[in-house]
Amino acid sequence: MGYPESSASRSSNGRIPRFSLETRERTIFLRNIRYLRNLRSRATLTPRFGAALCGVIATLQGVIYLAVAGAPKRFLVINVLAGLVALALGSIHSRAERLDAPARDVLLLLLALFLLATALFGQTMAGASRWLTVGTFAFQPAFLAVPILLVSYASSPRPWASVALVIAATALALQPDRSMAGTMTLALTAQALLNPSGRVLGALCISAVAFIATLVQPDDLPAMPYVEDVVFSAFDASPLLGMNIVVGLLLLIAPGAWGFKLSGMQRLPCVVFATVWFGLSIASIVGPYPTPVLGYSGAAVLGYMLSAAALPPIEAAQCARQNNQTA
């Protein structure tokens, strides 16, 4: 199909001049290039969407492990339902950034107080009070509260957010929970290295004291099947199943890679997000602590997705431009 041409664009012999064809082809080519670049920018993953995608894949990998390892079917159902609920709640939580700062501070304070209530009134096992029981199900609220608190604090370390962190650190010392307290200290260390403000350093010192407090208290809880020691039990069942868990744990921290491609305060929440889930993953390997997302734990799945929703709302096109600038 040819291009419609006026009589003025034709030569005396009735043919279209060669330079006219080349100019039109070049124009169409450049237009298509611009369209493809815009399409690529819109398709670029934002940190928030990328983290949610990694969480969905890791949850499915955990379900595969539970099925192959012979876990009760309700474990599989709970993890899947937790993932679906987390996606719905994540879309709501991501809109919380439209609230003003005092309202967001109130939400963080409520999370911290919820964690403190667990330490004071929660279910106790072997001297540890880390769980709340709803019907026949027990869950660990720290997996919900601590990641969101840390990622939100990395986005904006306001005074009342610092108070919320102090309350949460106190709760972790009272429970006691070495895994969470150590992870909080690690994440605040990363934040202090990238943003060494007095407020952050103060929160880090309090968190370190809470972590030390958990170390001097006994922690004799045995490992629970399908919850703790997931990496080792997966390799015992099959090397392929073990690698499935390892890849899943790497996916949990993969969104941190975006942090190094962003600038300013947008980088910090991504780095802290990755540090949180790295710390929890390492703790699950070196001690009898829950394996995040990959093991049986609806609270961990919820916590991962909700902390992903707390990442900065960077538009895809902006993210693409920053990626091109750092490439």
Protein backbone atom coordinates (compact mmCIF):
# COMPACT_ATOMS: atom_id res chain seq x y z
CA MET A 1 0.00 0.00 0.00
CA GLY A 2 1.58 3.27 -1.11
CA TYR A 3 1.52 6.71 0.42
CA PRO A 4 -0.84 9.28 -1.12
CA GLU A 5 1.22 11.88 -2.93
CA SER A 6 0.31 15.20 -4.45
CA SER A 7 1.26 15.99 -8.05
CA ALA A 8 3.85 18.44 -6.79
CA SER A 9 5.79 15.65 -5.11
CA ARG A 10 6.21 13.73 -8.36
CA SER A 11 8.88 14.24 -10.98
CA SER A 12 8.18 15.10 -14.61
CA ASN A 13 8.16 11.40 -15.57
CA GLY A 14 5.48 10.59 -12.95
CA ARG A 15 7.76 8.81 -10.44
CA ILE A 16 8.21 9.71 -6.76
CA PRO A 17 11.69 11.20 -6.18
CA ARG A 18 14.05 8.94 -4.23
CA PHE A 19 14.90 11.62 -1.63
CA SER A 20 11.16 11.96 -0.85
CA LEU A 21 10.84 8.25 -0.09
CA GLU A 22 13.95 8.29 2.13
CA THR A 23 12.68 11.29 4.10
CA ARG A 24 9.30 9.67 4.74
CA GLU A 25 10.87 6.34 5.71
CA ARG A 26 13.23 8.12 8.11
CA THR A 27 10.31 10.00 9.68
CA ILE A 28 8.29 6.81 10.17
CA PHE A 29 11.35 5.01 11.57
CA LEU A 30 12.05 7.77 14.13
CA ARG A 31 8.37 7.86 15.11
CA ASN A 32 8.40 4.12 15.74
CA ILE A 33 11.59 4.43 17.83
CA ARG A 34 9.97 7.09 20.00
CA TYR A 35 6.89 4.90 20.42
CA LEU A 36 9.00 1.90 21.48
CA ARG A 37 10.94 4.02 23.97
CA ASN A 38 7.71 5.28 25.52
CA LEU A 39 6.37 1.73 25.65
CA ARG A 40 9.57 0.55 27.36
CA SER A 41 9.30 3.34 29.92
CA ARG A 42 5.73 2.40 30.76
CA ALA A 43 6.68 -1.27 31.04
CA THR A 44 9.62 -0.66 33.38
CA LEU A 45 9.08 -2.24 36.78
CA THR A 46 8.84 0.13 39.69
CA PRO A 47 10.38 -0.98 43.00
CA ARG A 48 6.93 -1.40 44.53
CA PHE A 49 5.56 -3.55 41.71
CA GLY A 50 8.83 -5.48 41.39
CA ALA A 51 8.82 -6.34 45.11
CA ALA A 52 5.19 -7.47 44.93
CA LEU A 53 6.04 -9.67 41.93
CA CYS A 54 9.01 -11.20 43.77
CA GLY A 55 6.74 -11.83 46.75
CA VAL A 56 4.14 -13.63 44.63
CA ILE A 57 6.77 -15.87 43.01
CA ALA A 58 8.45 -16.64 46.36
CA THR A 59 5.07 -17.49 47.91
CA LEU A 60 4.38 -19.96 45.11
CA GLN A 61 7.84 -21.47 45.58
CA GLY A 62 7.04 -21.88 49.27
CA VAL A 63 3.77 -23.60 48.41
CA ILE A 64 5.72 -26.01 46.18
CA TYR A 65 8.03 -26.80 49.10
CA LEU A 66 5.12 -27.38 51.48
CA ALA A 67 3.39 -29.67 48.99
CA VAL A 68 6.49 -31.75 48.20
CA ALA A 69 7.59 -31.93 51.85
CA GLY A 70 4.22 -33.33 52.88
CA ALA A 71 2.93 -30.41 54.95
CA PRO A 72 -0.75 -30.38 55.93
CA LYS A 73 -2.89 -29.01 53.13
CA ARG A 74 -4.20 -26.23 55.32
CA PHE A 75 -0.66 -24.82 55.47
CA LEU A 76 -0.68 -24.44 51.70
CA VAL A 77 -4.15 -22.88 51.72
CA ILE A 78 -3.23 -20.39 54.46
CA ASN A 79 -0.10 -19.19 52.65
CA VAL A 80 -2.00 -18.77 49.37
CA LEU A 81 -4.88 -16.94 51.06
CA ALA A 82 -2.39 -14.73 52.89
CA GLY A 83 -0.84 -13.81 49.56
CA LEU A 84 -4.20 -12.89 48.05
CA VAL A 85 -5.22 -10.87 51.10
CA ALA A 86 -1.81 -9.16 51.10
CA LEU A 87 -2.22 -8.06 47.48
CA ALA A 88 -5.61 -6.54 48.30
CA LEU A 89 -4.34 -4.86 51.46
CA GLY A 90 -1.20 -3.70 49.66
CA SER A 91 -3.26 -1.73 47.15
CA ILE A 92 -4.99 -0.02 50.09
CA HIS A 93 -1.78 0.54 52.03
CA SER A 94 -0.07 2.09 49.00
CA ARG A 95 -2.74 4.81 49.09
CA ALA A 96 -1.85 5.64 52.70
CA GLU A 97 0.89 7.92 51.36
CA ARG A 98 -1.89 10.35 50.44
CA LEU A 99 -2.53 10.82 54.14
CA ASP A 100 -0.77 13.63 55.89
CA ALA A 101 2.26 12.94 58.07
CA PRO A 102 0.40 12.92 61.43
CA ALA A 103 -2.06 10.31 60.17
CA ARG A 104 0.78 8.08 58.95
CA ASP A 105 2.51 8.49 62.30
CA VAL A 106 -0.65 7.33 64.08
CA LEU A 107 -0.71 4.17 61.93
CA LEU A 108 2.92 3.42 62.78
CA LEU A 109 2.29 4.00 66.49
CA LEU A 110 -0.68 1.63 66.40
CA LEU A 111 1.49 -1.05 64.79
CA ALA A 112 4.15 -0.61 67.47
CA LEU A 113 1.58 -0.74 70.27
CA PHE A 114 0.10 -3.86 68.72
CA LEU A 115 3.54 -5.44 68.90
CA LEU A 116 3.94 -4.34 72.53
CA ALA A 117 0.54 -5.81 73.41
CA THR A 118 1.73 -9.12 71.96
CA ALA A 119 4.78 -9.07 74.24
CA LEU A 120 2.64 -8.33 77.29
CA PHE A 121 -0.52 -10.35 76.65
CA GLY A 122 0.28 -12.75 73.80
CA GLN A 123 0.56 -16.52 73.82
CA THR A 124 3.63 -17.71 75.74
CA MET A 125 5.73 -20.72 74.79
CA ALA A 126 8.97 -21.67 76.59
CA GLY A 127 9.24 -18.19 78.06
CA ALA A 128 8.71 -16.36 74.75
CA SER A 129 5.61 -14.29 74.02
CA ARG A 130 5.62 -13.71 70.27
CA TRP A 131 2.25 -14.97 69.08
CA LEU A 132 -1.41 -14.08 69.02
CA THR A 133 -4.04 -16.76 68.65
CA VAL A 134 -7.12 -16.33 66.47
CA GLY A 135 -9.30 -19.41 66.76
CA THR A 136 -7.06 -22.37 66.05
CA PHE A 137 -4.40 -20.29 64.30
CA ALA A 138 -1.40 -18.63 65.94
CA PHE A 139 0.52 -15.93 64.08
CA GLN A 140 3.53 -13.75 64.80
CA PRO A 141 2.61 -10.03 64.63
CA ALA A 142 6.28 -8.99 64.41
CA PHE A 143 6.31 -10.18 60.78
CA LEU A 144 3.51 -7.71 60.08
CA ALA A 145 4.74 -4.74 62.10
CA VAL A 146 8.53 -4.65 61.98
CA PRO A 147 9.11 -4.64 58.16
CA ILE A 148 6.48 -1.93 57.61
CA LEU A 149 7.88 0.19 60.47
CA LEU A 150 11.42 -0.02 59.15
CA VAL A 151 10.61 0.69 55.49
CA SER A 152 8.30 3.56 56.44
CA TYR A 153 10.94 4.99 58.77
CA ALA A 154 13.50 4.82 55.96
CA SER A 155 11.15 6.84 53.76
CA SER A 156 10.64 9.53 56.39
CA PRO A 157 12.32 9.36 59.82
CA ARG A 158 9.90 11.71 61.56
CA PRO A 159 9.93 12.16 65.37
CA TRP A 160 6.77 10.15 66.06
CA ALA A 161 7.97 7.42 63.70
CA SER A 162 11.11 7.26 65.85
CA VAL A 163 8.90 6.85 68.92
CA ALA A 164 7.11 3.97 67.18
CA LEU A 165 10.46 2.29 66.53
CA VAL A 166 11.48 2.67 70.16
CA ILE A 167 8.21 1.03 71.27
CA ALA A 168 8.74 -1.79 68.76
CA ALA A 169 12.32 -2.36 69.92
CA THR A 170 11.13 -2.52 73.53
CA ALA A 171 8.49 -5.07 72.56
CA LEU A 172 11.06 -7.25 70.80
CA ALA A 173 13.28 -7.17 73.89
CA LEU A 174 10.36 -8.20 76.08
CA GLN A 175 9.18 -11.05 73.88
CA PRO A 176 12.20 -11.81 73.39
CA ASP A 177 12.79 -12.16 69.64
CA ARG A 178 16.44 -12.28 68.60
CA SER A 179 15.66 -12.66 64.92
CA MET A 180 13.51 -9.54 64.68
CA ALA A 181 15.63 -7.46 67.06
CA GLY A 182 18.80 -8.35 65.15
CA THR A 183 17.11 -7.58 61.84
CA MET A 184 15.93 -4.21 63.13
CA THR A 185 19.47 -3.37 64.23
CA LEU A 186 20.88 -4.45 60.87
CA ALA A 187 18.34 -2.39 58.90
CA LEU A 188 18.91 0.72 61.02
CA THR A 189 22.66 0.26 60.58
CA ALA A 190 22.19 0.33 56.81
CA GLN A 191 20.03 3.42 57.13
CA ALA A 192 22.55 5.14 59.40
CA LEU A 193 25.35 4.46 56.89
CA LEU A 194 23.36 6.03 54.05
CA ASN A 195 21.65 8.75 56.10
CA PRO A 196 23.63 9.38 59.30
CA SER A 197 21.21 11.73 61.09
CA GLY A 198 21.07 12.04 64.85
CA ARG A 199 17.53 10.67 64.96
CA VAL A 200 18.48 7.54 63.04
CA LEU A 201 21.59 6.99 65.14
CA GLY A 202 19.49 7.29 68.31
CA ALA A 203 17.02 4.70 67.03
CA LEU A 204 19.94 2.44 66.11
CA CYS A 205 21.40 2.64 69.64
CA ILE A 206 18.07 1.73 71.23
CA SER A 207 17.59 -1.14 68.79
CA ALA A 208 21.10 -2.43 69.55
CA VAL A 209 20.32 -2.39 73.28
CA ALA A 210 17.11 -4.35 72.62
CA PHE A 211 19.05 -6.89 70.55
CA ILE A 212 21.59 -7.34 73.34
CA ALA A 213 18.70 -7.83 75.76
CA THR A 214 17.39 -10.70 73.65
CA LEU A 215 20.84 -12.32 73.61
CA VAL A 216 21.12 -12.46 77.40
CA GLN A 217 17.69 -14.09 77.76
CA PRO A 218 17.12 -17.81 77.19
CA ASP A 219 15.68 -18.87 73.85
CA ASP A 220 15.01 -22.60 74.01
CA LEU A 221 12.16 -22.94 71.54
CA PRO A 222 12.50 -26.03 69.33
CA ALA A 223 12.29 -25.74 65.57
CA MET A 224 8.78 -26.23 64.15
CA PRO A 225 8.46 -28.42 61.05
CA TYR A 226 7.66 -26.51 57.83
CA VAL A 227 8.23 -23.20 59.65
CA GLU A 228 11.87 -23.24 60.79
CA ASP A 229 14.88 -25.06 59.30
CA VAL A 230 13.17 -24.94 55.92
CA VAL A 231 16.42 -24.65 53.94
CA PHE A 232 17.97 -27.75 55.49
CA SER A 233 14.81 -29.84 55.37
CA ALA A 234 14.34 -28.92 51.70
CA PHE A 235 17.88 -30.05 50.80
CA ASP A 236 17.35 -33.23 52.81
CA ALA A 237 14.29 -33.99 50.69
CA SER A 238 15.87 -33.08 47.34
CA PRO A 239 18.71 -30.86 46.07
CA LEU A 240 16.30 -29.40 43.53
CA LEU A 241 13.81 -28.54 46.28
CA GLY A 242 16.62 -26.99 48.30
CA MET A 243 17.66 -24.81 45.37
CA ASN A 244 14.03 -23.79 44.99
CA ILE A 245 14.15 -22.38 48.55
CA VAL A 246 17.50 -20.66 48.01
CA VAL A 247 16.26 -18.97 44.83
CA GLY A 248 13.12 -17.91 46.68
CA LEU A 249 15.15 -16.30 49.48
CA LEU A 250 17.24 -14.45 46.89
CA LEU A 251 14.04 -13.18 45.30
CA LEU A 252 12.98 -11.69 48.62
CA ILE A 253 15.99 -9.36 48.64
CA ALA A 254 16.14 -8.76 44.86
CA PRO A 255 14.07 -5.52 45.03
CA GLY A 256 17.01 -3.94 46.84
CA ALA A 257 18.80 -3.84 43.49
CA TRP A 258 16.48 -1.01 42.47
CA GLY A 259 17.78 1.03 45.37
CA PHE A 260 21.21 1.37 43.84
CA LYS A 261 19.68 2.70 40.61
CA LEU A 262 17.64 5.41 42.32
CA SER A 263 18.72 8.71 43.75
CA GLY A 264 18.42 10.55 47.04
CA MET A 265 15.86 9.45 49.63
CA GLN A 266 14.19 7.13 47.11
CA ARG A 267 17.17 4.79 47.36
CA LEU A 268 17.04 4.30 51.11
CA PRO A 269 13.67 2.48 51.50
CA CYS A 270 14.64 -0.09 48.86
CA VAL A 271 17.97 -0.78 50.56
CA VAL A 272 16.31 -1.07 53.99
CA PHE A 273 13.60 -3.33 52.53
CA ALA A 274 16.23 -5.72 51.17
CA THR A 275 18.20 -5.55 54.42
CA VAL A 276 15.14 -6.51 56.48
CA TRP A 277 14.38 -9.63 54.47
CA PHE A 278 18.06 -10.51 54.18
CA GLY A 279 18.38 -10.38 57.97
CA LEU A 280 15.31 -12.54 58.52
CA SER A 281 16.52 -15.05 55.92
CA ILE A 282 19.96 -15.35 57.53
CA ALA A 283 18.40 -15.70 60.99
CA SER A 284 16.25 -18.58 59.72
CA ILE A 285 19.39 -20.38 58.53
CA VAL A 286 21.61 -19.90 61.58
CA GLY A 287 18.93 -20.42 64.23
CA PRO A 288 15.48 -21.92 64.89
CA TYR A 289 13.56 -18.97 63.49
CA PRO A 290 10.81 -18.84 60.86
CA THR A 291 11.87 -18.91 57.22
CA PRO A 292 10.18 -15.84 55.72
CA VAL A 293 7.55 -16.40 53.01
CA LEU A 294 9.07 -19.75 51.89
CA GLY A 295 7.94 -21.58 55.04
CA TYR A 296 4.52 -21.86 56.59
CA SER A 297 3.74 -18.36 57.83
CA GLY A 298 0.80 -16.33 56.63
CA ALA A 299 2.05 -13.40 58.71
CA ALA A 300 5.38 -13.38 56.84
CA VAL A 301 3.61 -13.34 53.47
CA LEU A 302 1.41 -10.47 54.64
CA GLY A 303 4.39 -8.60 56.07
CA TYR A 304 6.40 -8.91 52.87
CA MET A 305 3.62 -7.65 50.62
CA LEU A 306 2.66 -4.78 52.93
CA SER A 307 6.26 -3.65 53.34
CA ALA A 308 6.55 -3.78 49.53
CA ALA A 309 3.56 -1.44 49.35
CA ALA A 310 5.45 0.93 51.68
CA LEU A 311 8.20 1.39 49.09
CA PRO A 312 8.31 4.80 47.36
CA PRO A 313 5.70 5.30 44.58
CA ILE A 314 8.15 5.97 41.77
CA GLU A 315 6.52 6.29 38.37
CA ALA A 316 7.72 3.82 35.75
CA ALA A 317 8.91 6.50 33.35
CA GLN A 318 10.87 8.25 36.09
CA CYS A 319 12.38 4.93 37.15
CA ALA A 320 13.38 4.23 33.56
CA ARG A 321 15.09 7.60 33.21
CA GLN A 322 17.06 7.05 36.41
CA ASN A 323 18.05 3.55 35.27
CA ASN A 324 19.30 4.97 31.96
CA GLN A 325 21.27 7.69 33.75
CA THR A 326 23.05 5.14 35.98
CA ALA A 327 23.56 2.54 33.26
